[in-house]
Amino acid sequence: MSESKALPAFCYRDPAEVVERNELLSLGCRACSSLVVVLNRPMCQDSRNESQKGVPGIGIRCRYFREAT
């Protein structure tokens, strides 16, 4: 099964949605309005993120993600 050439399930949708999702994933937390950079270190500014151990690093999958407008 590890040699499967199948794409992830989200890749079998509208090609425009797939491209947009891939771009958001590549941007990661830079696409989030909660991101701030302090002394060249990215930090999550969301008040619900109490640990403040930097950016969660998972971009649009982050539970604190808010799209920058």
C-alpha atoms as a PDB file:
ATOM      1  CA  MET A   1       0.000   0.000   0.000  1.00  0.00           C
ATOM      2  CA  SER A   2       2.922   2.378   0.595  1.00  0.00           C
ATOM      3  CA  GLU A   3       3.748   2.196  -3.122  1.00  0.00           C
ATOM      4  CA  SER A   4       0.349   3.569  -4.129  1.00  0.00           C
ATOM      5  CA  LYS A   5       0.371   6.302  -6.772  1.00  0.00           C
ATOM      6  CA  ALA A   6      -3.080   7.584  -5.783  1.00  0.00           C
ATOM      7  CA  LEU A   7      -3.439  11.284  -5.034  1.00  0.00           C
ATOM      8  CA  PRO A   8      -4.918  12.594  -1.778  1.00  0.00           C
ATOM      9  CA  ALA A   9      -8.721  12.771  -1.824  1.00  0.00           C
ATOM     10  CA  PHE A  10      -8.830  16.588  -2.070  1.00  0.00           C
ATOM     11  CA  CYS A  11      -6.997  16.440  -5.421  1.00  0.00           C
ATOM     12  CA  TYR A  12     -10.020  14.914  -7.161  1.00  0.00           C
ATOM     13  CA  ARG A  13     -12.050  18.142  -7.076  1.00  0.00           C
ATOM     14  CA  ASP A  14     -12.258  21.284  -9.152  1.00  0.00           C
ATOM     15  CA  PRO A  15      -8.699  22.046 -10.365  1.00  0.00           C
ATOM     16  CA  ALA A  16      -9.013  25.700  -9.276  1.00  0.00           C
ATOM     17  CA  GLU A  17      -9.832  24.624  -5.709  1.00  0.00           C
ATOM     18  CA  VAL A  18      -6.883  22.234  -5.686  1.00  0.00           C
ATOM     19  CA  VAL A  19      -4.498  24.966  -6.845  1.00  0.00           C
ATOM     20  CA  GLU A  20      -5.852  27.419  -4.265  1.00  0.00           C
ATOM     21  CA  ARG A  21      -5.529  24.857  -1.468  1.00  0.00           C
ATOM     22  CA  ASN A  22      -1.953  24.018  -2.498  1.00  0.00           C
ATOM     23  CA  GLU A  23      -1.060  27.718  -2.507  1.00  0.00           C
ATOM     24  CA  LEU A  24      -2.543  28.195   0.971  1.00  0.00           C
ATOM     25  CA  LEU A  25      -0.678  25.144   2.237  1.00  0.00           C
ATOM     26  CA  SER A  26       2.598  26.486   0.818  1.00  0.00           C
ATOM     27  CA  LEU A  27       2.001  29.878   2.447  1.00  0.00           C
ATOM     28  CA  GLY A  28       1.263  28.195   5.745  1.00  0.00           C
ATOM     29  CA  CYS A  29       0.839  30.645   8.594  1.00  0.00           C
ATOM     30  CA  ARG A  30       1.877  33.597   6.419  1.00  0.00           C
ATOM     31  CA  ALA A  31      -1.703  33.577   5.091  1.00  0.00           C
ATOM     32  CA  CYS A  32      -3.140  33.980   8.589  1.00  0.00           C
ATOM     33  CA  SER A  33      -4.107  37.346  10.052  1.00  0.00           C
ATOM     34  CA  SER A  34      -2.965  36.149  13.506  1.00  0.00           C
ATOM     35  CA  LEU A  35       0.670  36.020  12.448  1.00  0.00           C
ATOM     36  CA  VAL A  36       3.090  38.636  13.753  1.00  0.00           C
ATOM     37  CA  VAL A  37       6.857  38.685  13.357  1.00  0.00           C
ATOM     38  CA  VAL A  38       8.835  39.690  16.449  1.00  0.00           C
ATOM     39  CA  LEU A  39      12.621  39.919  16.101  1.00  0.00           C
ATOM     40  CA  ASN A  40      12.468  37.820  12.926  1.00  0.00           C
ATOM     41  CA  ARG A  41      10.544  35.080  14.745  1.00  0.00           C
ATOM     42  CA  PRO A  42       6.986  34.297  13.627  1.00  0.00           C
ATOM     43  CA  MET A  43       4.499  34.239  16.479  1.00  0.00           C
ATOM     44  CA  CYS A  44       0.814  33.351  16.655  1.00  0.00           C
ATOM     45  CA  GLN A  45      -1.065  36.341  18.041  1.00  0.00           C
ATOM     46  CA  ASP A  46      -4.385  34.578  18.547  1.00  0.00           C
ATOM     47  CA  SER A  47      -5.565  34.962  22.143  1.00  0.00           C
ATOM     48  CA  ARG A  48      -6.695  31.319  22.252  1.00  0.00           C
ATOM     49  CA  ASN A  49      -3.121  30.145  21.667  1.00  0.00           C
ATOM     50  CA  GLU A  50      -1.934  30.232  25.274  1.00  0.00           C
ATOM     51  CA  SER A  51       1.315  28.318  24.737  1.00  0.00           C
ATOM     52  CA  GLN A  52       2.726  30.924  22.298  1.00  0.00           C
ATOM     53  CA  LYS A  53       5.438  28.531  21.195  1.00  0.00           C
ATOM     54  CA  GLY A  54       5.727  30.260  17.869  1.00  0.00           C
ATOM     55  CA  VAL A  55       3.606  29.565  14.858  1.00  0.00           C
ATOM     56  CA  PRO A  56       1.717  26.270  14.896  1.00  0.00           C
ATOM     57  CA  GLY A  57       3.304  25.608  11.496  1.00  0.00           C
ATOM     58  CA  ILE A  58       0.361  23.935   9.868  1.00  0.00           C
ATOM     59  CA  GLY A  59      -1.152  26.853   8.007  1.00  0.00           C
ATOM     60  CA  ILE A  60      -4.783  26.552   6.982  1.00  0.00           C
ATOM     61  CA  ARG A  61      -5.191  23.389   9.039  1.00  0.00           C
ATOM     62  CA  CYS A  62      -4.463  25.341  12.229  1.00  0.00           C
ATOM     63  CA  ARG A  63      -7.438  25.706  14.534  1.00  0.00           C
ATOM     64  CA  TYR A  64      -6.485  29.368  15.054  1.00  0.00           C
ATOM     65  CA  PHE A  65      -6.311  30.193  11.337  1.00  0.00           C
ATOM     66  CA  ARG A  66      -8.072  33.371  10.221  1.00  0.00           C
ATOM     67  CA  GLU A  67      -7.722  34.315   6.581  1.00  0.00           C
ATOM     68  CA  ALA A  68      -5.928  37.613   6.056  1.00  0.00           C
ATOM     69  CA  THR A  69      -8.142  40.013   4.161  1.00  0.00           C
END
